Amino acid sequence: MSKVCLITGASDGIGAASARQLSTLGHRVLVTGRSKEKTEAIAREIGAKAFVADFSRLDDVRRLAEEVRVELDGAGLDVLANNAGGLFGDRAKTVDGNEKTFQINHLAPFLLTHLLLDELRASASIASGGRASVINTSSIANRLFGHIDLDDLDNDKKFSPNKAYGDAKLANILFTRGLHARFHDQGISTVAFHPGNVATNFASDTTSSMRFLYQTPLKRLGLISGEKGGANLTFFVDGTPDVTWRAGAYYDQQKLSTKVNPQALDDALVDGLWERSAALVGIN
């Protein structure tokens, strides 16, 4: 069955690879990215609709949601793949006053998902099986570096690129669990996954030591291709919730994983992060 899929972070890397794969499978793909040139090039290649948005600006996220709603024109959105993100360098605040890594990787997709809930619900009401999906691209960094302090989400006390990224990827999993608790009964299924360590342009704009793995000849060792990473995203987008994959869960590539940051299992933290995030993006 053909699906209507919105893929963020689709101008490059695994998002672009997945967009190509999903188009080949016959799905209607909407792609969004920060680079107008790259995003439109992918869209032309696969016959998709392109949207441009910079997730370091929450007003861009709000505009993106409105443009997607206009494009769908009541047709419903079957899958939202929150794939955009990145590991950045020195600590910086966005125009919205949030730490850049936290906003781009967590707050922006948190806001976008909320703004498109009606479109997801519309799809859930008419789709075969009555389910729409939200796919959140997380990372193994949640376990390696993440430790969230609700009173210091911007890491003002002790910042490092790795910790900021680990916290944001942990937030993706907590957000997934929060979505599952609140909206699974309304026909919206959600999952978080680590796409694998992928040989893309990831970590190209960071002072983190991780750049030596991703942006030097070392990337030939132990990294999977962009196509394979994209296939891991496609697995969830193309699949059927609670048949192909378990809603509310965390996966390492395409395998259900129990190796997760202990904080990801903290129900109070799920709710606490949800409340803080909603306040930061202006969601009631």
C-alpha atoms as a PDB file:
ATOM      1  CA  MET A   1       0.000   0.000   0.000  1.00  0.00           C
ATOM      2  CA  SER A   2       1.372   3.403  -1.016  1.00  0.00           C
ATOM      3  CA  LYS A   3       2.009   5.838   1.835  1.00  0.00           C
ATOM      4  CA  VAL A   4       2.433   9.607   2.071  1.00  0.00           C
ATOM      5  CA  CYS A   5       5.776  10.139   3.840  1.00  0.00           C
ATOM      6  CA  LEU A   6       7.503  13.296   5.062  1.00  0.00           C
ATOM      7  CA  ILE A   7      11.257  12.789   5.512  1.00  0.00           C
ATOM      8  CA  THR A   8      13.228  15.492   7.318  1.00  0.00           C
ATOM      9  CA  GLY A   9      16.965  15.775   6.819  1.00  0.00           C
ATOM     10  CA  ALA A  10      16.441  14.413   3.314  1.00  0.00           C
ATOM     11  CA  SER A  11      18.878  16.640   1.421  1.00  0.00           C
ATOM     12  CA  ASP A  12      21.815  14.321   2.116  1.00  0.00           C
ATOM     13  CA  GLY A  13      22.908  11.181   3.945  1.00  0.00           C
ATOM     14  CA  ILE A  14      20.477   8.520   5.054  1.00  0.00           C
ATOM     15  CA  GLY A  15      17.470  10.793   4.570  1.00  0.00           C
ATOM     16  CA  ALA A  16      18.241  11.251   0.881  1.00  0.00           C
ATOM     17  CA  ALA A  17      19.009   7.541   0.465  1.00  0.00           C
ATOM     18  CA  SER A  18      15.735   6.556   2.120  1.00  0.00           C
ATOM     19  CA  ALA A  19      13.767   9.077   0.055  1.00  0.00           C
ATOM     20  CA  ARG A  20      15.135   7.466  -3.114  1.00  0.00           C
ATOM     21  CA  GLN A  21      14.289   3.984  -1.846  1.00  0.00           C
ATOM     22  CA  LEU A  22      10.768   4.933  -0.764  1.00  0.00           C
ATOM     23  CA  SER A  23      10.069   6.562  -4.111  1.00  0.00           C
ATOM     24  CA  THR A  24      11.185   3.395  -5.889  1.00  0.00           C
ATOM     25  CA  LEU A  25       8.789   1.412  -3.680  1.00  0.00           C
ATOM     26  CA  GLY A  26       5.927   3.562  -4.908  1.00  0.00           C
ATOM     27  CA  HIS A  27       5.382   5.837  -1.922  1.00  0.00           C
ATOM     28  CA  ARG A  28       4.602   9.552  -2.190  1.00  0.00           C
ATOM     29  CA  VAL A  29       7.578  11.295  -0.632  1.00  0.00           C
ATOM     30  CA  LEU A  30       7.818  14.838   0.722  1.00  0.00           C
ATOM     31  CA  VAL A  31      11.398  15.858   1.450  1.00  0.00           C
ATOM     32  CA  THR A  32      12.705  18.656   3.620  1.00  0.00           C
ATOM     33  CA  GLY A  33      16.203  19.929   4.309  1.00  0.00           C
ATOM     34  CA  ARG A  34      18.167  23.019   5.248  1.00  0.00           C
ATOM     35  CA  SER A  35      19.928  23.434   1.898  1.00  0.00           C
ATOM     36  CA  LYS A  36      17.563  24.675  -0.812  1.00  0.00           C
ATOM     37  CA  GLU A  37      19.892  23.502  -3.587  1.00  0.00           C
ATOM     38  CA  LYS A  38      20.439  19.995  -2.214  1.00  0.00           C
ATOM     39  CA  THR A  39      16.824  19.445  -1.159  1.00  0.00           C
ATOM     40  CA  GLU A  40      15.424  20.530  -4.513  1.00  0.00           C
ATOM     41  CA  ALA A  41      17.976  18.352  -6.322  1.00  0.00           C
ATOM     42  CA  ILE A  42      16.793  15.257  -4.429  1.00  0.00           C
ATOM     43  CA  ALA A  43      13.179  16.201  -5.047  1.00  0.00           C
ATOM     44  CA  ARG A  44      13.760  16.570  -8.799  1.00  0.00           C
ATOM     45  CA  GLU A  45      15.598  13.256  -8.931  1.00  0.00           C
ATOM     46  CA  ILE A  46      12.733  11.264  -7.436  1.00  0.00           C
ATOM     47  CA  GLY A  47       9.758  13.398  -8.441  1.00  0.00           C
ATOM     48  CA  ALA A  48       9.045  14.532  -4.885  1.00  0.00           C
ATOM     49  CA  LYS A  49       7.867  17.779  -3.321  1.00  0.00           C
ATOM     50  CA  ALA A  50      10.643  19.809  -1.676  1.00  0.00           C
ATOM     51  CA  PHE A  51      10.365  21.933   1.464  1.00  0.00           C
ATOM     52  CA  VAL A  52      13.198  24.011   2.890  1.00  0.00           C
ATOM     53  CA  ALA A  53      13.536  24.669   6.616  1.00  0.00           C
ATOM     54  CA  ASP A  54      16.329  25.460   9.047  1.00  0.00           C
ATOM     55  CA  PHE A  55      15.622  23.667  12.323  1.00  0.00           C
ATOM     56  CA  SER A  56      17.744  26.153  14.240  1.00  0.00           C
ATOM     57  CA  ARG A  57      14.762  28.502  13.739  1.00  0.00           C
ATOM     58  CA  LEU A  58      11.483  27.342  15.245  1.00  0.00           C
ATOM     59  CA  ASP A  59       9.584  29.761  13.026  1.00  0.00           C
ATOM     60  CA  ASP A  60      10.935  27.754  10.071  1.00  0.00           C
ATOM     61  CA  VAL A  61       9.449  24.626  11.643  1.00  0.00           C
ATOM     62  CA  ARG A  62       6.084  26.350  12.028  1.00  0.00           C
ATOM     63  CA  ARG A  63       6.201  27.520   8.407  1.00  0.00           C
ATOM     64  CA  LEU A  64       7.183  24.035   7.250  1.00  0.00           C
ATOM     65  CA  ALA A  65       4.214  22.484   9.041  1.00  0.00           C
ATOM     66  CA  GLU A  66       1.838  24.966   7.425  1.00  0.00           C
ATOM     67  CA  GLU A  67       3.298  24.334   3.955  1.00  0.00           C
ATOM     68  CA  VAL A  68       2.949  20.576   4.444  1.00  0.00           C
ATOM     69  CA  ARG A  69      -0.677  20.986   5.561  1.00  0.00           C
ATOM     70  CA  VAL A  70      -1.423  23.023   2.430  1.00  0.00           C
ATOM     71  CA  GLU A  71       0.293  20.431   0.232  1.00  0.00           C
ATOM     72  CA  LEU A  72      -1.641  17.551   1.786  1.00  0.00           C
ATOM     73  CA  ASP A  73      -4.953  19.408   1.536  1.00  0.00           C
ATOM     74  CA  GLY A  74      -6.660  17.089   3.997  1.00  0.00           C
ATOM     75  CA  ALA A  75      -5.251  13.895   2.504  1.00  0.00           C
ATOM     76  CA  GLY A  76      -3.507  12.875   5.730  1.00  0.00           C
ATOM     77  CA  LEU A  77       0.108  12.034   6.489  1.00  0.00           C
ATOM     78  CA  ASP A  78       0.906   8.334   6.853  1.00  0.00           C
ATOM     79  CA  VAL A  79       4.508   8.667   8.067  1.00  0.00           C
ATOM     80  CA  LEU A  80       6.548  11.465   9.613  1.00  0.00           C
ATOM     81  CA  ALA A  81      10.238  10.538   9.698  1.00  0.00           C
ATOM     82  CA  ASN A  82      12.025  12.890  12.102  1.00  0.00           C
ATOM     83  CA  ASN A  83      15.476  12.258  10.684  1.00  0.00           C
ATOM     84  CA  ALA A  84      17.105  15.718  10.646  1.00  0.00           C
ATOM     85  CA  GLY A  85      19.857  16.297  13.176  1.00  0.00           C
ATOM     86  CA  GLY A  86      23.549  16.590  13.680  1.00  0.00           C
ATOM     87  CA  LEU A  87      26.588  16.774  15.926  1.00  0.00           C
ATOM     88  CA  PHE A  88      27.927  20.307  16.127  1.00  0.00           C
ATOM     89  CA  GLY A  89      30.923  22.175  17.475  1.00  0.00           C
ATOM     90  CA  ASP A  90      31.263  24.791  20.156  1.00  0.00           C
ATOM     91  CA  ARG A  91      28.246  25.656  22.245  1.00  0.00           C
ATOM     92  CA  ALA A  92      25.894  28.078  20.515  1.00  0.00           C
ATOM     93  CA  LYS A  93      22.396  29.387  21.137  1.00  0.00           C
ATOM     94  CA  THR A  94      19.733  29.603  18.436  1.00  0.00           C
ATOM     95  CA  VAL A  95      17.626  32.682  17.736  1.00  0.00           C
ATOM     96  CA  ASP A  96      15.010  31.002  19.939  1.00  0.00           C
ATOM     97  CA  GLY A  97      17.429  30.953  22.886  1.00  0.00           C
ATOM     98  CA  ASN A  98      18.013  27.195  23.008  1.00  0.00           C
ATOM     99  CA  GLU A  99      21.280  25.280  22.730  1.00  0.00           C
ATOM    100  CA  LYS A 100      21.668  24.493  19.018  1.00  0.00           C
ATOM    101  CA  THR A 101      22.200  20.722  19.262  1.00  0.00           C
ATOM    102  CA  PHE A 102      19.210  20.253  21.556  1.00  0.00           C
ATOM    103  CA  GLN A 103      16.912  22.357  19.406  1.00  0.00           C
ATOM    104  CA  ILE A 104      17.800  20.861  16.021  1.00  0.00           C
ATOM    105  CA  ASN A 105      17.797  17.239  17.196  1.00  0.00           C
ATOM    106  CA  HIS A 106      14.898  17.339  19.655  1.00  0.00           C
ATOM    107  CA  LEU A 107      12.862  20.519  20.034  1.00  0.00           C
ATOM    108  CA  ALA A 108      12.331  21.048  16.296  1.00  0.00           C
ATOM    109  CA  PRO A 109      10.987  17.518  15.646  1.00  0.00           C
ATOM    110  CA  PHE A 110       8.974  17.719  18.880  1.00  0.00           C
ATOM    111  CA  LEU A 111       7.300  20.873  17.554  1.00  0.00           C
ATOM    112  CA  LEU A 112       6.876  19.575  13.997  1.00  0.00           C
ATOM    113  CA  THR A 113       5.227  16.388  15.213  1.00  0.00           C
ATOM    114  CA  HIS A 114       2.740  18.321  17.331  1.00  0.00           C
ATOM    115  CA  LEU A 115       1.894  20.663  14.473  1.00  0.00           C
ATOM    116  CA  LEU A 116       1.180  17.705  12.171  1.00  0.00           C
ATOM    117  CA  LEU A 117      -0.829  15.612  14.643  1.00  0.00           C
ATOM    118  CA  ASP A 118      -4.110  16.355  12.882  1.00  0.00           C
ATOM    119  CA  GLU A 119      -2.658  15.144   9.575  1.00  0.00           C
ATOM    120  CA  LEU A 120      -1.357  11.995  11.245  1.00  0.00           C
ATOM    121  CA  ARG A 121      -4.726  11.391  12.921  1.00  0.00           C
ATOM    122  CA  ALA A 122      -6.469  11.887   9.572  1.00  0.00           C
ATOM    123  CA  SER A 123      -4.279   9.206   8.043  1.00  0.00           C
ATOM    124  CA  ALA A 124      -4.843   6.884  10.987  1.00  0.00           C
ATOM    125  CA  SER A 125      -8.591   7.168  10.490  1.00  0.00           C
ATOM    126  CA  ILE A 126      -8.484   6.117   6.840  1.00  0.00           C
ATOM    127  CA  ALA A 127      -5.322   4.033   6.465  1.00  0.00           C
ATOM    128  CA  SER A 128      -5.432   0.260   6.247  1.00  0.00           C
ATOM    129  CA  GLY A 129      -5.117  -1.009   9.789  1.00  0.00           C
ATOM    130  CA  GLY A 130      -5.846   2.470  11.138  1.00  0.00           C
ATOM    131  CA  ARG A 131      -2.266   3.454  11.899  1.00  0.00           C
ATOM    132  CA  ALA A 132       0.022   6.395  11.122  1.00  0.00           C
ATOM    133  CA  SER A 133       3.697   6.383  12.106  1.00  0.00           C
ATOM    134  CA  VAL A 134       6.264   8.739  13.595  1.00  0.00           C
ATOM    135  CA  ILE A 135       9.839   7.491  13.106  1.00  0.00           C
ATOM    136  CA  ASN A 136      12.544   9.151  15.224  1.00  0.00           C
ATOM    137  CA  THR A 137      16.178   8.756  14.208  1.00  0.00           C
ATOM    138  CA  SER A 138      18.159   8.418  17.437  1.00  0.00           C
ATOM    139  CA  SER A 139      21.739   7.173  17.926  1.00  0.00           C
ATOM    140  CA  ILE A 140      23.869   4.867  20.011  1.00  0.00           C
ATOM    141  CA  ALA A 141      25.230   8.148  21.414  1.00  0.00           C
ATOM    142  CA  ASN A 142      22.209   8.171  23.738  1.00  0.00           C
ATOM    143  CA  ARG A 143      23.914   5.435  25.728  1.00  0.00           C
ATOM    144  CA  LEU A 144      27.516   6.531  25.285  1.00  0.00           C
ATOM    145  CA  PHE A 145      27.200  10.220  26.194  1.00  0.00           C
ATOM    146  CA  GLY A 146      23.650  11.068  27.261  1.00  0.00           C
ATOM    147  CA  HIS A 147      22.579  12.146  30.736  1.00  0.00           C
ATOM    148  CA  ILE A 148      19.669  14.576  30.846  1.00  0.00           C
ATOM    149  CA  ASP A 149      19.210  17.139  33.617  1.00  0.00           C
ATOM    150  CA  LEU A 150      15.780  18.727  33.256  1.00  0.00           C
ATOM    151  CA  ASP A 151      17.112  21.847  34.980  1.00  0.00           C
ATOM    152  CA  ASP A 152      20.012  22.143  32.509  1.00  0.00           C
ATOM    153  CA  LEU A 153      18.719  21.046  29.104  1.00  0.00           C
ATOM    154  CA  ASP A 154      21.068  23.513  27.403  1.00  0.00           C
ATOM    155  CA  ASN A 155      24.098  22.065  29.222  1.00  0.00           C
ATOM    156  CA  ASP A 156      25.038  25.468  30.583  1.00  0.00           C
ATOM    157  CA  LYS A 157      26.885  23.858  33.484  1.00  0.00           C
ATOM    158  CA  LYS A 158      29.179  21.568  31.526  1.00  0.00           C
ATOM    159  CA  PHE A 159      29.005  21.551  27.742  1.00  0.00           C
ATOM    160  CA  SER A 160      30.710  19.230  25.309  1.00  0.00           C
ATOM    161  CA  PRO A 161      29.620  18.432  21.732  1.00  0.00           C
ATOM    162  CA  ASN A 162      29.386  14.737  22.572  1.00  0.00           C
ATOM    163  CA  LYS A 163      27.236  15.229  25.674  1.00  0.00           C
ATOM    164  CA  ALA A 164      24.936  17.674  23.902  1.00  0.00           C
ATOM    165  CA  TYR A 165      24.447  15.184  21.077  1.00  0.00           C
ATOM    166  CA  GLY A 166      24.021  12.238  23.443  1.00  0.00           C
ATOM    167  CA  ASP A 167      21.412  14.150  25.435  1.00  0.00           C
ATOM    168  CA  ALA A 168      19.501  15.056  22.282  1.00  0.00           C
ATOM    169  CA  LYS A 169      19.521  11.458  21.011  1.00  0.00           C
ATOM    170  CA  LEU A 170      18.347  10.282  24.437  1.00  0.00           C
ATOM    171  CA  ALA A 171      15.598  12.901  24.211  1.00  0.00           C
ATOM    172  CA  ASN A 172      14.506  11.316  20.910  1.00  0.00           C
ATOM    173  CA  ILE A 173      13.857   8.038  22.724  1.00  0.00           C
ATOM    174  CA  LEU A 174      12.076   9.721  25.626  1.00  0.00           C
ATOM    175  CA  PHE A 175       9.939  11.614  23.095  1.00  0.00           C
ATOM    176  CA  THR A 176       9.132   8.330  21.347  1.00  0.00           C
ATOM    177  CA  ARG A 177       7.942   6.814  24.602  1.00  0.00           C
ATOM    178  CA  GLY A 178       5.908   9.938  25.385  1.00  0.00           C
ATOM    179  CA  LEU A 179       4.236   9.830  21.978  1.00  0.00           C
ATOM    180  CA  HIS A 180       3.454   6.151  22.418  1.00  0.00           C
ATOM    181  CA  ALA A 181       1.827   6.716  25.814  1.00  0.00           C
ATOM    182  CA  ARG A 182      -0.266   9.644  24.606  1.00  0.00           C
ATOM    183  CA  PHE A 183      -1.250   8.811  21.032  1.00  0.00           C
ATOM    184  CA  HIS A 184      -0.954   5.088  20.345  1.00  0.00           C
ATOM    185  CA  ASP A 185      -4.624   4.645  21.235  1.00  0.00           C
ATOM    186  CA  GLN A 186      -5.441   7.357  18.671  1.00  0.00           C
ATOM    187  CA  GLY A 187      -3.875   5.342  15.852  1.00  0.00           C
ATOM    188  CA  ILE A 188      -0.379   6.869  15.865  1.00  0.00           C
ATOM    189  CA  SER A 189       2.528   4.459  16.288  1.00  0.00           C
ATOM    190  CA  THR A 190       6.064   5.604  16.963  1.00  0.00           C
ATOM    191  CA  VAL A 191       9.541   4.102  17.135  1.00  0.00           C
ATOM    192  CA  ALA A 192      13.122   5.275  17.683  1.00  0.00           C
ATOM    193  CA  PHE A 193      16.147   3.688  16.075  1.00  0.00           C
ATOM    194  CA  HIS A 194      19.912   3.915  15.729  1.00  0.00           C
ATOM    195  CA  PRO A 195      20.615   3.853  11.957  1.00  0.00           C
ATOM    196  CA  GLY A 196      24.130   2.465  12.387  1.00  0.00           C
ATOM    197  CA  ASN A 197      27.425   4.309  12.143  1.00  0.00           C
ATOM    198  CA  VAL A 198      27.039   5.617   8.619  1.00  0.00           C
ATOM    199  CA  ALA A 199      29.714   6.932   6.255  1.00  0.00           C
ATOM    200  CA  THR A 200      28.108  10.276   5.393  1.00  0.00           C
ATOM    201  CA  ASN A 201      28.880  13.965   6.028  1.00  0.00           C
ATOM    202  CA  PHE A 202      27.899  13.480   9.671  1.00  0.00           C
ATOM    203  CA  ALA A 203      30.199  15.288  12.150  1.00  0.00           C
ATOM    204  CA  SER A 204      31.651  17.504   9.419  1.00  0.00           C
ATOM    205  CA  ASP A 205      30.949  20.642  11.467  1.00  0.00           C
ATOM    206  CA  THR A 206      32.141  19.727  14.933  1.00  0.00           C
ATOM    207  CA  THR A 207      35.107  19.885  17.266  1.00  0.00           C
ATOM    208  CA  SER A 208      34.092  16.510  18.715  1.00  0.00           C
ATOM    209  CA  SER A 209      36.585  13.660  18.592  1.00  0.00           C
ATOM    210  CA  MET A 210      33.916  11.769  16.647  1.00  0.00           C
ATOM    211  CA  ARG A 211      34.979  13.693  13.535  1.00  0.00           C
ATOM    212  CA  PHE A 212      38.066  11.458  13.343  1.00  0.00           C
ATOM    213  CA  LEU A 213      35.810   8.469  12.805  1.00  0.00           C
ATOM    214  CA  TYR A 214      33.473  10.080  10.305  1.00  0.00           C
ATOM    215  CA  GLN A 215      35.644  12.616   8.451  1.00  0.00           C
ATOM    216  CA  THR A 216      39.021  10.901   8.009  1.00  0.00           C
ATOM    217  CA  PRO A 217      40.167   7.709   6.244  1.00  0.00           C
ATOM    218  CA  LEU A 218      39.123   5.884   9.431  1.00  0.00           C
ATOM    219  CA  LYS A 219      35.543   6.034   8.148  1.00  0.00           C
ATOM    220  CA  ARG A 220      36.371   3.125   5.872  1.00  0.00           C
ATOM    221  CA  LEU A 221      36.633   0.994   8.999  1.00  0.00           C
ATOM    222  CA  GLY A 222      33.452  -0.029  10.778  1.00  0.00           C
ATOM    223  CA  LEU A 223      31.029   2.330   9.031  1.00  0.00           C
ATOM    224  CA  ILE A 224      28.122   1.248   6.884  1.00  0.00           C
ATOM    225  CA  SER A 225      27.174   2.910   3.597  1.00  0.00           C
ATOM    226  CA  GLY A 226      24.660   5.723   3.306  1.00  0.00           C
ATOM    227  CA  GLU A 227      22.450   3.355   1.320  1.00  0.00           C
ATOM    228  CA  LYS A 228      22.462   0.808   4.154  1.00  0.00           C
ATOM    229  CA  GLY A 229      21.712   3.498   6.719  1.00  0.00           C
ATOM    230  CA  GLY A 230      18.926   4.727   4.478  1.00  0.00           C
ATOM    231  CA  ALA A 231      17.583   1.182   4.181  1.00  0.00           C
ATOM    232  CA  ASN A 232      17.355   1.038   7.969  1.00  0.00           C
ATOM    233  CA  LEU A 233      15.143   4.140   7.926  1.00  0.00           C
ATOM    234  CA  THR A 234      13.142   2.753   4.996  1.00  0.00           C
ATOM    235  CA  PHE A 235      12.531  -0.456   6.980  1.00  0.00           C
ATOM    236  CA  PHE A 236      10.469   1.494   9.511  1.00  0.00           C
ATOM    237  CA  VAL A 237       8.775   3.886   7.087  1.00  0.00           C
ATOM    238  CA  ASP A 238       7.732   1.126   4.679  1.00  0.00           C
ATOM    239  CA  GLY A 239       6.894  -1.354   7.446  1.00  0.00           C
ATOM    240  CA  THR A 240       3.701  -1.952   9.392  1.00  0.00           C
ATOM    241  CA  PRO A 241       3.587  -0.878  13.057  1.00  0.00           C
ATOM    242  CA  ASP A 242       3.269  -3.765  15.517  1.00  0.00           C
ATOM    243  CA  VAL A 243       3.858  -6.190  12.659  1.00  0.00           C
ATOM    244  CA  THR A 244       7.194  -5.192  11.124  1.00  0.00           C
ATOM    245  CA  TRP A 245       8.330  -3.337  14.246  1.00  0.00           C
ATOM    246  CA  ARG A 246       7.099  -2.820  17.804  1.00  0.00           C
ATOM    247  CA  ALA A 247       5.541   0.547  18.566  1.00  0.00           C
ATOM    248  CA  GLY A 248       7.106   2.529  21.389  1.00  0.00           C
ATOM    249  CA  ALA A 249      10.381   0.607  21.203  1.00  0.00           C
ATOM    250  CA  TYR A 250      14.019   1.397  20.417  1.00  0.00           C
ATOM    251  CA  TYR A 251      15.928  -0.442  17.689  1.00  0.00           C
ATOM    252  CA  ASP A 252      19.584  -0.777  16.774  1.00  0.00           C
ATOM    253  CA  GLN A 253      19.339  -0.669  12.994  1.00  0.00           C
ATOM    254  CA  GLN A 254      16.561  -3.213  12.341  1.00  0.00           C
ATOM    255  CA  LYS A 255      16.902  -5.205  15.566  1.00  0.00           C
ATOM    256  CA  LEU A 256      14.959  -4.581  18.747  1.00  0.00           C
ATOM    257  CA  SER A 257      17.501  -3.398  21.313  1.00  0.00           C
ATOM    258  CA  THR A 258      17.659  -3.578  25.079  1.00  0.00           C
ATOM    259  CA  LYS A 259      20.952  -1.656  25.124  1.00  0.00           C
ATOM    260  CA  VAL A 260      19.666   1.770  25.976  1.00  0.00           C
ATOM    261  CA  ASN A 261      20.513   4.524  28.410  1.00  0.00           C
ATOM    262  CA  PRO A 262      18.840   3.696  31.765  1.00  0.00           C
ATOM    263  CA  GLN A 263      17.293   7.173  31.750  1.00  0.00           C
ATOM    264  CA  ALA A 264      15.291   6.178  28.660  1.00  0.00           C
ATOM    265  CA  LEU A 265      13.243   3.857  30.896  1.00  0.00           C
ATOM    266  CA  ASP A 266      12.396   6.568  33.449  1.00  0.00           C
ATOM    267  CA  ASP A 267       8.671   7.338  33.108  1.00  0.00           C
ATOM    268  CA  ALA A 268       8.976  10.481  35.242  1.00  0.00           C
ATOM    269  CA  LEU A 269      11.722  11.764  32.947  1.00  0.00           C
ATOM    270  CA  VAL A 270       9.553  11.022  29.880  1.00  0.00           C
ATOM    271  CA  ASP A 271       6.826  13.236  31.315  1.00  0.00           C
ATOM    272  CA  GLY A 272       9.217  15.856  32.659  1.00  0.00           C
ATOM    273  CA  LEU A 273      10.991  16.283  29.331  1.00  0.00           C
ATOM    274  CA  TRP A 274       7.645  16.437  27.534  1.00  0.00           C
ATOM    275  CA  GLU A 275       6.451  19.268  29.782  1.00  0.00           C
ATOM    276  CA  ARG A 276       9.722  21.228  29.489  1.00  0.00           C
ATOM    277  CA  SER A 277       9.845  20.766  25.719  1.00  0.00           C
ATOM    278  CA  ALA A 278       6.230  21.849  25.271  1.00  0.00           C
ATOM    279  CA  ALA A 279       6.917  25.023  27.239  1.00  0.00           C
ATOM    280  CA  LEU A 280      10.051  25.798  25.221  1.00  0.00           C
ATOM    281  CA  VAL A 281       8.279  25.517  21.862  1.00  0.00           C
ATOM    282  CA  GLY A 282       4.995  27.108  22.958  1.00  0.00           C
ATOM    283  CA  ILE A 283       2.765  24.031  22.875  1.00  0.00           C
ATOM    284  CA  ASN A 284      -0.064  23.925  25.422  1.00  0.00           C
END
